[in-house]
Structure formats: C-alpha cells, structure tokens
Amino acid sequence: MIFLAIETSDPRGSLALFDEEGVREEDLFCEDMVHAREFATRIEGLLRRAGCTSRDLQGISVSAGPGSYTGCRVGVTAAKTLAIALRIPVVAISSLEVIAAFAMESAQAGGVDGETSLDAFIPVLDGRRGFFYGALFTRSEASRPHRMVEDQVAPLADLTASLRGPAWVLGAGADEFLRGMEAGDGGEAGDYQRGPTEWDRPRASILAKLSGKALAESSFDPETVHLLKPSYLRPSEPEIVLARKLAGEDR
C-alpha cells in the first residue's frame, strides 16, 4: 500500500510517499516555494521518482494546520481532490503535533548535545497582532506524542497559562514567544528552553509516521472527505478586516 503525506502548513512545505515499511521518498520544498503554482508538479515528480502513479495511492494524510493560511488551504484542497478522484481515505493531523513529533524524535536521537532531560514540548507559531498558536505535548512510548493541551490561539499571557513549562519551545513563533516571555508578558522565561531551529519545520516524513496506522485502518468515506477543512483556529487578516468593516468598526 502506497500513501501520500502532504505538509503545506509551513511556507516551505514538503511531500512524502510511504508504505507499511516507512518513508520511500520525501520532497522538501525550497524557501520560496509557491504552493498553488508548483504543487501538482511536485506530486507528479515524487510519484515518478518512486515508480508510481496517482492510481497506486491507497490513502493521503495532510497537515491541516494551524499554519500558513494559503498553504493549509492548498494542501487540504489537494488532499480532498485526490481522495474524491481516487476514492481513497484521508487522515488529517495537526501541524503542531507534526512539529512536536519531529522534535521528540530528534531529541531522542541525541540531537541537542545529548541533552534530553526535558520531556515536554511546546510548538508555537506566530499568529500576529499579539496572538500565538500553541499546544503542549509530552513524550510517549507510543508511536506519537502524548497531547496534554489542544491546539489553541491566544495572546501570550493566556497561552502560557495553559502551556506551562518546563518545556522545549520550538516552531516558527518560538523566538517571538520567548522574547515576549523575557519582556514579562507571559510568566517566567526560565521555564522554557529554546529548541534547535532545525526542529521548527514540520516534515511530511514525520506526518507519514503519525498517520500510517490510521490510514491503513481507514476506508473511503465521501462525507468525511467533504467535511475536511483547514484548521485555522482564527479568521485570516482579510476576514478580520472585512468583519470590522461590516460591523462599522473600521476607522
């Protein structure tokens, strides 16, 4: 069985082909990847290198967000389109869990100068205008991180009230998060330690590992595919501006 993992919640993005034995091919996009313009071509190239076609796919996993609004929309739309066309199941995974799982795997392998004493991981993304996306995970003997706090978006002080350390902080919003902590906006900065920057990027290969079991046990359900949508957690900036205008709050 061949599955496709789509990770586009990060502006760079990645794709992976995998089976019951593990990841067969992974394609990491460059920094200036334009998802909507190049996405279909990248999938075709990945399949070609693996000696497959789209007809060989038995399921798709997608990182549904939170993250890049455009990226999440492109990834989820592609997953739904392929699933309907090929009549195969789709499994959606939180992008924050993908980030945390990669960090745990890297830390377990000794990728932090041998320091693996912290068992909690807080993936953070900058939601702008003082908001952050975040969640809390701890190590688990199972194949995926143990979720302690659900994905949420909130101002720094509210976020740190539920995402308590000591913990590694990682993700594209980690530096801004820690700067806010140091400024006294959210609690004690000493409770949090910055993870290596290589942990920040969600990877399709990690998404594959998180979703393999669920995909193998899933079957095509058109209603489930139809209801799949990106996990934005809050409106986009244009939606916020429009709502203010409609409410007469725009000055």
C-alpha atoms as a PDB file:
ATOM      1  CA  MET A   1       0.000   0.000   0.000  1.00  0.00           C
ATOM      2  CA  ILE A   2       1.356   3.405  -1.007  1.00  0.00           C
ATOM      3  CA  PHE A   3       0.304   6.568   0.813  1.00  0.00           C
ATOM      4  CA  LEU A   4       0.965  10.269   0.220  1.00  0.00           C
ATOM      5  CA  ALA A   5       1.710  12.757   3.025  1.00  0.00           C
ATOM      6  CA  ILE A   6       1.080  16.446   2.299  1.00  0.00           C
ATOM      7  CA  GLU A   7       2.659  19.029   4.615  1.00  0.00           C
ATOM      8  CA  THR A   8       1.987  22.599   3.485  1.00  0.00           C
ATOM      9  CA  SER A   9       1.185  24.339   6.779  1.00  0.00           C
ATOM     10  CA  ASP A  10       4.730  25.741   6.681  1.00  0.00           C
ATOM     11  CA  PRO A  11       5.591  28.213   3.871  1.00  0.00           C
ATOM     12  CA  ARG A  12       8.272  25.808   2.635  1.00  0.00           C
ATOM     13  CA  GLY A  13       6.231  22.616   2.661  1.00  0.00           C
ATOM     14  CA  SER A  14       7.096  19.011   1.841  1.00  0.00           C
ATOM     15  CA  LEU A  15       5.656  15.790   0.434  1.00  0.00           C
ATOM     16  CA  ALA A  16       6.379  12.161   1.225  1.00  0.00           C
ATOM     17  CA  LEU A  17       5.453   8.761  -0.191  1.00  0.00           C
ATOM     18  CA  PHE A  18       5.329   5.955   2.351  1.00  0.00           C
ATOM     19  CA  ASP A  19       4.139   2.420   2.939  1.00  0.00           C
ATOM     20  CA  GLU A  20       3.926  -0.021   5.851  1.00  0.00           C
ATOM     21  CA  GLU A  21       7.712  -0.206   5.974  1.00  0.00           C
ATOM     22  CA  GLY A  22       8.281   3.549   6.208  1.00  0.00           C
ATOM     23  CA  VAL A  23       9.018   6.589   4.047  1.00  0.00           C
ATOM     24  CA  ARG A  24      10.066   5.809   0.472  1.00  0.00           C
ATOM     25  CA  GLU A  25      10.524   9.321  -0.936  1.00  0.00           C
ATOM     26  CA  GLU A  26      10.421  12.835   0.506  1.00  0.00           C
ATOM     27  CA  ASP A  27      10.439  16.158  -1.329  1.00  0.00           C
ATOM     28  CA  LEU A  28      11.381  19.220   0.746  1.00  0.00           C
ATOM     29  CA  PHE A  29      10.318  22.457  -0.906  1.00  0.00           C
ATOM     30  CA  CYS A  30      12.693  25.413  -1.070  1.00  0.00           C
ATOM     31  CA  GLU A  31      12.207  28.604   0.931  1.00  0.00           C
ATOM     32  CA  ASP A  32      10.319  30.480  -1.810  1.00  0.00           C
ATOM     33  CA  MET A  33       8.004  27.647  -2.766  1.00  0.00           C
ATOM     34  CA  VAL A  34       4.738  28.874  -4.305  1.00  0.00           C
ATOM     35  CA  HIS A  35       2.390  26.077  -3.275  1.00  0.00           C
ATOM     36  CA  ALA A  36      -0.532  26.688  -5.618  1.00  0.00           C
ATOM     37  CA  ARG A  37       1.635  27.088  -8.713  1.00  0.00           C
ATOM     38  CA  GLU A  38       4.043  24.194  -8.244  1.00  0.00           C
ATOM     39  CA  PHE A  39       2.167  21.763  -6.051  1.00  0.00           C
ATOM     40  CA  ALA A  40       0.699  19.382  -8.647  1.00  0.00           C
ATOM     41  CA  THR A  41       4.012  19.198 -10.479  1.00  0.00           C
ATOM     42  CA  ARG A  42       5.848  18.291  -7.276  1.00  0.00           C
ATOM     43  CA  ILE A  43       3.405  15.464  -6.536  1.00  0.00           C
ATOM     44  CA  GLU A  44       3.805  14.105 -10.069  1.00  0.00           C
ATOM     45  CA  GLY A  45       7.580  14.235  -9.784  1.00  0.00           C
ATOM     46  CA  LEU A  46       7.559  12.471  -6.424  1.00  0.00           C
ATOM     47  CA  LEU A  47       5.392   9.663  -7.786  1.00  0.00           C
ATOM     48  CA  ARG A  48       7.529   9.336 -10.905  1.00  0.00           C
ATOM     49  CA  ARG A  49      10.757   9.001  -8.917  1.00  0.00           C
ATOM     50  CA  ALA A  50       9.167   6.223  -6.877  1.00  0.00           C
ATOM     51  CA  GLY A  51       7.977   4.430  -9.999  1.00  0.00           C
ATOM     52  CA  CYS A  52       4.330   5.067  -9.138  1.00  0.00           C
ATOM     53  CA  THR A  53       1.319   6.920 -10.476  1.00  0.00           C
ATOM     54  CA  SER A  54      -1.562   8.507  -8.616  1.00  0.00           C
ATOM     55  CA  ARG A  55      -3.568   5.335  -9.251  1.00  0.00           C
ATOM     56  CA  ASP A  56      -1.213   3.470  -6.914  1.00  0.00           C
ATOM     57  CA  LEU A  57      -2.147   5.656  -3.948  1.00  0.00           C
ATOM     58  CA  GLN A  58      -4.232   3.988  -1.244  1.00  0.00           C
ATOM     59  CA  GLY A  59      -4.586   6.955   1.111  1.00  0.00           C
ATOM     60  CA  ILE A  60      -3.494  10.506   1.899  1.00  0.00           C
ATOM     61  CA  SER A  61      -2.522  12.264   5.089  1.00  0.00           C
ATOM     62  CA  VAL A  62      -2.488  16.038   5.305  1.00  0.00           C
ATOM     63  CA  SER A  63      -1.248  18.535   7.849  1.00  0.00           C
ATOM     64  CA  ALA A  64      -4.423  20.564   8.326  1.00  0.00           C
ATOM     65  CA  GLY A  65      -2.924  23.428  10.337  1.00  0.00           C
ATOM     66  CA  PRO A  66      -2.672  25.730  12.084  1.00  0.00           C
ATOM     67  CA  GLY A  67      -0.102  27.485   9.940  1.00  0.00           C
ATOM     68  CA  SER A  68       0.063  29.322   6.636  1.00  0.00           C
ATOM     69  CA  TYR A  69      -3.495  30.115   5.543  1.00  0.00           C
ATOM     70  CA  THR A  70      -2.642  29.690   1.862  1.00  0.00           C
ATOM     71  CA  GLY A  71      -0.526  26.607   2.452  1.00  0.00           C
ATOM     72  CA  CYS A  72      -3.138  24.836   4.585  1.00  0.00           C
ATOM     73  CA  ARG A  73      -5.844  25.621   2.053  1.00  0.00           C
ATOM     74  CA  VAL A  74      -3.767  24.311  -0.863  1.00  0.00           C
ATOM     75  CA  GLY A  75      -2.774  21.135   0.983  1.00  0.00           C
ATOM     76  CA  VAL A  76      -6.273  20.292   2.207  1.00  0.00           C
ATOM     77  CA  THR A  77      -7.817  21.077  -1.185  1.00  0.00           C
ATOM     78  CA  ALA A  78      -5.287  18.830  -2.941  1.00  0.00           C
ATOM     79  CA  ALA A  79      -5.908  16.002  -0.458  1.00  0.00           C
ATOM     80  CA  LYS A  80      -9.676  16.231  -0.895  1.00  0.00           C
ATOM     81  CA  THR A  81      -9.457  16.413  -4.680  1.00  0.00           C
ATOM     82  CA  LEU A  82      -7.232  13.343  -4.918  1.00  0.00           C
ATOM     83  CA  ALA A  83      -9.305  11.442  -2.366  1.00  0.00           C
ATOM     84  CA  ILE A  84     -12.551  12.027  -4.259  1.00  0.00           C
ATOM     85  CA  ALA A  85     -10.992  11.272  -7.652  1.00  0.00           C
ATOM     86  CA  LEU A  86      -9.281   8.081  -6.468  1.00  0.00           C
ATOM     87  CA  ARG A  87     -11.865   7.106  -3.817  1.00  0.00           C
ATOM     88  CA  ILE A  88      -9.236   6.753  -1.099  1.00  0.00           C
ATOM     89  CA  PRO A  89      -9.281   7.831   2.575  1.00  0.00           C
ATOM     90  CA  VAL A  90      -7.787  10.999   4.014  1.00  0.00           C
ATOM     91  CA  VAL A  91      -6.393  11.466   7.534  1.00  0.00           C
ATOM     92  CA  ALA A  92      -5.809  14.988   8.896  1.00  0.00           C
ATOM     93  CA  ILE A  93      -3.119  15.669  11.511  1.00  0.00           C
ATOM     94  CA  SER A  94      -2.357  18.857  13.448  1.00  0.00           C
ATOM     95  CA  SER A  95       0.722  20.664  12.166  1.00  0.00           C
ATOM     96  CA  LEU A  96       1.675  21.388  15.782  1.00  0.00           C
ATOM     97  CA  GLU A  97       1.749  17.667  16.511  1.00  0.00           C
ATOM     98  CA  VAL A  98       3.955  17.125  13.455  1.00  0.00           C
ATOM     99  CA  ILE A  99       6.426  19.715  14.777  1.00  0.00           C
ATOM    100  CA  ALA A 100       6.402  18.200  18.270  1.00  0.00           C
ATOM    101  CA  ALA A 101       6.883  14.665  16.946  1.00  0.00           C
ATOM    102  CA  PHE A 102       9.940  15.699  14.931  1.00  0.00           C
ATOM    103  CA  ALA A 103      11.427  17.447  17.970  1.00  0.00           C
ATOM    104  CA  MET A 104      10.903  14.383  20.156  1.00  0.00           C
ATOM    105  CA  GLU A 105      12.440  12.093  17.589  1.00  0.00           C
ATOM    106  CA  SER A 106      15.447  14.403  17.191  1.00  0.00           C
ATOM    107  CA  ALA A 107      15.925  14.830  20.944  1.00  0.00           C
ATOM    108  CA  GLN A 108      15.687  11.086  21.487  1.00  0.00           C
ATOM    109  CA  ALA A 109      18.422  10.615  18.907  1.00  0.00           C
ATOM    110  CA  GLY A 110      20.669  12.944  20.915  1.00  0.00           C
ATOM    111  CA  GLY A 111      20.339  15.919  18.617  1.00  0.00           C
ATOM    112  CA  VAL A 112      20.638  18.504  21.408  1.00  0.00           C
ATOM    113  CA  ASP A 113      24.187  17.955  22.570  1.00  0.00           C
ATOM    114  CA  GLY A 114      22.982  14.885  24.426  1.00  0.00           C
ATOM    115  CA  GLU A 115      20.505  16.943  26.493  1.00  0.00           C
ATOM    116  CA  THR A 116      17.174  15.110  26.590  1.00  0.00           C
ATOM    117  CA  SER A 117      16.046  15.848  30.154  1.00  0.00           C
ATOM    118  CA  LEU A 118      13.040  17.964  29.180  1.00  0.00           C
ATOM    119  CA  ASP A 119      10.045  15.743  28.443  1.00  0.00           C
ATOM    120  CA  ALA A 120       7.573  18.452  27.392  1.00  0.00           C
ATOM    121  CA  PHE A 121       7.408  20.178  24.018  1.00  0.00           C
ATOM    122  CA  ILE A 122       5.529  23.339  23.079  1.00  0.00           C
ATOM    123  CA  PRO A 123       5.286  24.006  19.328  1.00  0.00           C
ATOM    124  CA  VAL A 124       4.455  27.681  18.742  1.00  0.00           C
ATOM    125  CA  LEU A 125       3.500  29.677  15.650  1.00  0.00           C
ATOM    126  CA  ASP A 126       3.192  33.461  15.452  1.00  0.00           C
ATOM    127  CA  GLY A 127      -0.458  34.357  14.874  1.00  0.00           C
ATOM    128  CA  ARG A 128       0.400  38.089  14.614  1.00  0.00           C
ATOM    129  CA  ARG A 129      -1.258  41.028  16.353  1.00  0.00           C
ATOM    130  CA  GLY A 130      -0.111  39.602  19.684  1.00  0.00           C
ATOM    131  CA  PHE A 131      -1.597  36.134  19.152  1.00  0.00           C
ATOM    132  CA  PHE A 132       0.196  32.790  19.143  1.00  0.00           C
ATOM    133  CA  TYR A 133      -0.816  29.296  18.135  1.00  0.00           C
ATOM    134  CA  GLY A 134       0.386  26.630  20.528  1.00  0.00           C
ATOM    135  CA  ALA A 135      -0.119  23.208  22.079  1.00  0.00           C
ATOM    136  CA  LEU A 136       1.604  21.057  24.688  1.00  0.00           C
ATOM    137  CA  PHE A 137       2.896  17.510  24.198  1.00  0.00           C
ATOM    138  CA  THR A 138       4.940  15.139  26.334  1.00  0.00           C
ATOM    139  CA  ARG A 139       6.988  12.070  25.498  1.00  0.00           C
ATOM    140  CA  SER A 140       5.163   8.823  24.983  1.00  0.00           C
ATOM    141  CA  GLU A 141       6.206   5.236  24.471  1.00  0.00           C
ATOM    142  CA  ALA A 142       3.569   5.044  21.736  1.00  0.00           C
ATOM    143  CA  SER A 143       4.230   5.970  18.128  1.00  0.00           C
ATOM    144  CA  ARG A 144       3.070   9.566  18.594  1.00  0.00           C
ATOM    145  CA  PRO A 145       3.444  12.339  21.194  1.00  0.00           C
ATOM    146  CA  HIS A 146       1.061  12.437  24.139  1.00  0.00           C
ATOM    147  CA  ARG A 147      -1.129  15.514  23.810  1.00  0.00           C
ATOM    148  CA  MET A 148      -1.599  17.464  27.051  1.00  0.00           C
ATOM    149  CA  VAL A 149      -3.279  20.617  25.681  1.00  0.00           C
ATOM    150  CA  GLU A 150      -5.325  21.011  22.497  1.00  0.00           C
ATOM    151  CA  ASP A 151      -4.266  23.375  19.710  1.00  0.00           C
ATOM    152  CA  GLN A 152      -5.255  26.924  20.560  1.00  0.00           C
ATOM    153  CA  VAL A 153      -4.687  30.518  19.577  1.00  0.00           C
ATOM    154  CA  ALA A 154      -4.466  33.220  22.231  1.00  0.00           C
ATOM    155  CA  PRO A 155      -2.459  36.219  23.458  1.00  0.00           C
ATOM    156  CA  LEU A 156       0.842  35.283  25.094  1.00  0.00           C
ATOM    157  CA  ALA A 157      -0.342  35.639  28.706  1.00  0.00           C
ATOM    158  CA  ASP A 158      -3.386  33.446  28.091  1.00  0.00           C
ATOM    159  CA  LEU A 159      -1.372  30.870  26.181  1.00  0.00           C
ATOM    160  CA  THR A 160       1.282  30.454  28.850  1.00  0.00           C
ATOM    161  CA  ALA A 161      -1.443  29.980  31.469  1.00  0.00           C
ATOM    162  CA  SER A 162      -2.203  26.602  29.893  1.00  0.00           C
ATOM    163  CA  LEU A 163       1.096  25.772  28.176  1.00  0.00           C
ATOM    164  CA  ARG A 164       3.260  25.603  31.262  1.00  0.00           C
ATOM    165  CA  GLY A 165       6.932  24.683  31.417  1.00  0.00           C
ATOM    166  CA  PRO A 166       9.472  23.456  31.949  1.00  0.00           C
ATOM    167  CA  ALA A 167       9.421  22.589  28.267  1.00  0.00           C
ATOM    168  CA  TRP A 168      11.197  22.933  24.973  1.00  0.00           C
ATOM    169  CA  VAL A 169       9.745  25.734  22.838  1.00  0.00           C
ATOM    170  CA  LEU A 170      10.005  25.273  19.086  1.00  0.00           C
ATOM    171  CA  GLY A 171       8.337  26.298  15.855  1.00  0.00           C
ATOM    172  CA  ALA A 172       8.358  29.392  13.655  1.00  0.00           C
ATOM    173  CA  GLY A 173       6.951  31.505  16.504  1.00  0.00           C
ATOM    174  CA  ALA A 174       9.332  30.277  19.207  1.00  0.00           C
ATOM    175  CA  ASP A 175      11.675  33.277  19.171  1.00  0.00           C
ATOM    176  CA  GLU A 176       8.845  35.826  19.311  1.00  0.00           C
ATOM    177  CA  PHE A 177       7.194  33.784  22.071  1.00  0.00           C
ATOM    178  CA  LEU A 178      10.376  33.784  24.165  1.00  0.00           C
ATOM    179  CA  ARG A 179      11.001  37.494  23.559  1.00  0.00           C
ATOM    180  CA  GLY A 180       7.559  38.168  24.976  1.00  0.00           C
ATOM    181  CA  MET A 181       8.355  35.986  27.974  1.00  0.00           C
ATOM    182  CA  GLU A 182      11.615  37.833  28.599  1.00  0.00           C
ATOM    183  CA  ALA A 183       9.714  41.118  28.469  1.00  0.00           C
ATOM    184  CA  GLY A 184       7.488  39.809  31.250  1.00  0.00           C
ATOM    185  CA  ASP A 185       4.378  39.449  29.116  1.00  0.00           C
ATOM    186  CA  GLY A 186       3.589  35.844  29.946  1.00  0.00           C
ATOM    187  CA  GLY A 187       5.320  34.472  33.031  1.00  0.00           C
ATOM    188  CA  GLU A 188       8.752  33.118  33.853  1.00  0.00           C
ATOM    189  CA  ALA A 189      11.017  32.810  30.829  1.00  0.00           C
ATOM    190  CA  GLY A 190      13.213  30.375  32.743  1.00  0.00           C
ATOM    191  CA  ASP A 191      10.510  27.716  32.480  1.00  0.00           C
ATOM    192  CA  TYR A 192      11.078  27.454  28.743  1.00  0.00           C
ATOM    193  CA  GLN A 193      14.105  26.449  26.695  1.00  0.00           C
ATOM    194  CA  ARG A 194      14.516  27.207  23.003  1.00  0.00           C
ATOM    195  CA  GLY A 195      14.794  24.064  20.918  1.00  0.00           C
ATOM    196  CA  PRO A 196      17.237  23.898  17.980  1.00  0.00           C
ATOM    197  CA  THR A 197      15.941  25.749  14.929  1.00  0.00           C
ATOM    198  CA  GLU A 198      16.052  22.557  12.868  1.00  0.00           C
ATOM    199  CA  TRP A 199      13.111  21.353  14.969  1.00  0.00           C
ATOM    200  CA  ASP A 200      10.936  24.244  13.787  1.00  0.00           C
ATOM    201  CA  ARG A 201       9.901  22.891  10.425  1.00  0.00           C
ATOM    202  CA  PRO A 202       7.067  20.368  10.089  1.00  0.00           C
ATOM    203  CA  ARG A 203       8.079  17.487   7.816  1.00  0.00           C
ATOM    204  CA  ALA A 204       5.984  15.268   5.573  1.00  0.00           C
ATOM    205  CA  SER A 205       8.112  12.290   6.623  1.00  0.00           C
ATOM    206  CA  ILE A 206       7.016  12.832  10.239  1.00  0.00           C
ATOM    207  CA  LEU A 207       3.410  13.305   9.160  1.00  0.00           C
ATOM    208  CA  ALA A 208       3.722   9.943   7.423  1.00  0.00           C
ATOM    209  CA  LYS A 209       4.821   8.229  10.631  1.00  0.00           C
ATOM    210  CA  LEU A 210       1.971   9.788  12.604  1.00  0.00           C
ATOM    211  CA  SER A 211      -0.713   8.822  10.104  1.00  0.00           C
ATOM    212  CA  GLY A 212       0.359   5.426   8.772  1.00  0.00           C
ATOM    213  CA  LYS A 213      -1.631   3.284  11.211  1.00  0.00           C
ATOM    214  CA  ALA A 214      -4.800   5.347  10.847  1.00  0.00           C
ATOM    215  CA  LEU A 215      -4.617   5.276   7.054  1.00  0.00           C
ATOM    216  CA  ALA A 216      -4.065   1.526   6.960  1.00  0.00           C
ATOM    217  CA  GLU A 217      -7.220   1.077   9.043  1.00  0.00           C
ATOM    218  CA  SER A 218      -9.343   3.632   7.137  1.00  0.00           C
ATOM    219  CA  SER A 219     -11.648   3.287   4.166  1.00  0.00           C
ATOM    220  CA  PHE A 220     -13.008   5.851   1.734  1.00  0.00           C
ATOM    221  CA  ASP A 221     -15.923   7.859   3.126  1.00  0.00           C
ATOM    222  CA  PRO A 222     -17.053  10.725   0.855  1.00  0.00           C
ATOM    223  CA  GLU A 223     -18.792  12.525   3.730  1.00  0.00           C
ATOM    224  CA  THR A 224     -15.622  12.526   5.836  1.00  0.00           C
ATOM    225  CA  VAL A 225     -13.617  13.854   2.901  1.00  0.00           C
ATOM    226  CA  HIS A 226     -16.224  16.520   2.173  1.00  0.00           C
ATOM    227  CA  LEU A 227     -16.174  17.775   5.773  1.00  0.00           C
ATOM    228  CA  LEU A 228     -12.375  18.041   5.920  1.00  0.00           C
ATOM    229  CA  LYS A 229     -11.199  21.639   6.214  1.00  0.00           C
ATOM    230  CA  PRO A 230      -8.073  23.536   7.284  1.00  0.00           C
ATOM    231  CA  SER A 231      -7.603  24.129  10.999  1.00  0.00           C
ATOM    232  CA  TYR A 232      -7.138  27.897  11.033  1.00  0.00           C
ATOM    233  CA  LEU A 233      -8.381  28.384  14.644  1.00  0.00           C
ATOM    234  CA  ARG A 234      -8.998  32.057  13.896  1.00  0.00           C
ATOM    235  CA  PRO A 235     -10.085  34.142  10.879  1.00  0.00           C
ATOM    236  CA  SER A 236      -7.490  35.343   8.380  1.00  0.00           C
ATOM    237  CA  GLU A 237      -6.445  39.012   8.399  1.00  0.00           C
ATOM    238  CA  PRO A 238      -8.648  39.905   5.392  1.00  0.00           C
ATOM    239  CA  GLU A 239     -11.601  38.219   7.125  1.00  0.00           C
ATOM    240  CA  ILE A 240     -10.945  40.188  10.306  1.00  0.00           C
ATOM    241  CA  VAL A 241     -10.765  43.473   8.365  1.00  0.00           C
ATOM    242  CA  LEU A 242     -13.972  42.663   6.492  1.00  0.00           C
ATOM    243  CA  ALA A 243     -15.782  41.774   9.721  1.00  0.00           C
ATOM    244  CA  ARG A 244     -14.732  45.110  11.250  1.00  0.00           C
ATOM    245  CA  LYS A 245     -15.981  46.986   8.213  1.00  0.00           C
ATOM    246  CA  LEU A 246     -19.316  45.192   8.263  1.00  0.00           C
ATOM    247  CA  ALA A 247     -19.630  45.940  11.984  1.00  0.00           C
ATOM    248  CA  GLY A 248     -18.839  49.623  11.389  1.00  0.00           C
ATOM    249  CA  GLU A 249     -15.671  49.416  13.470  1.00  0.00           C
ATOM    250  CA  ASP A 250     -13.225  50.382  10.715  1.00  0.00           C
ATOM    251  CA  ARG A 251     -11.953  53.901  11.297  1.00  0.00           C
END
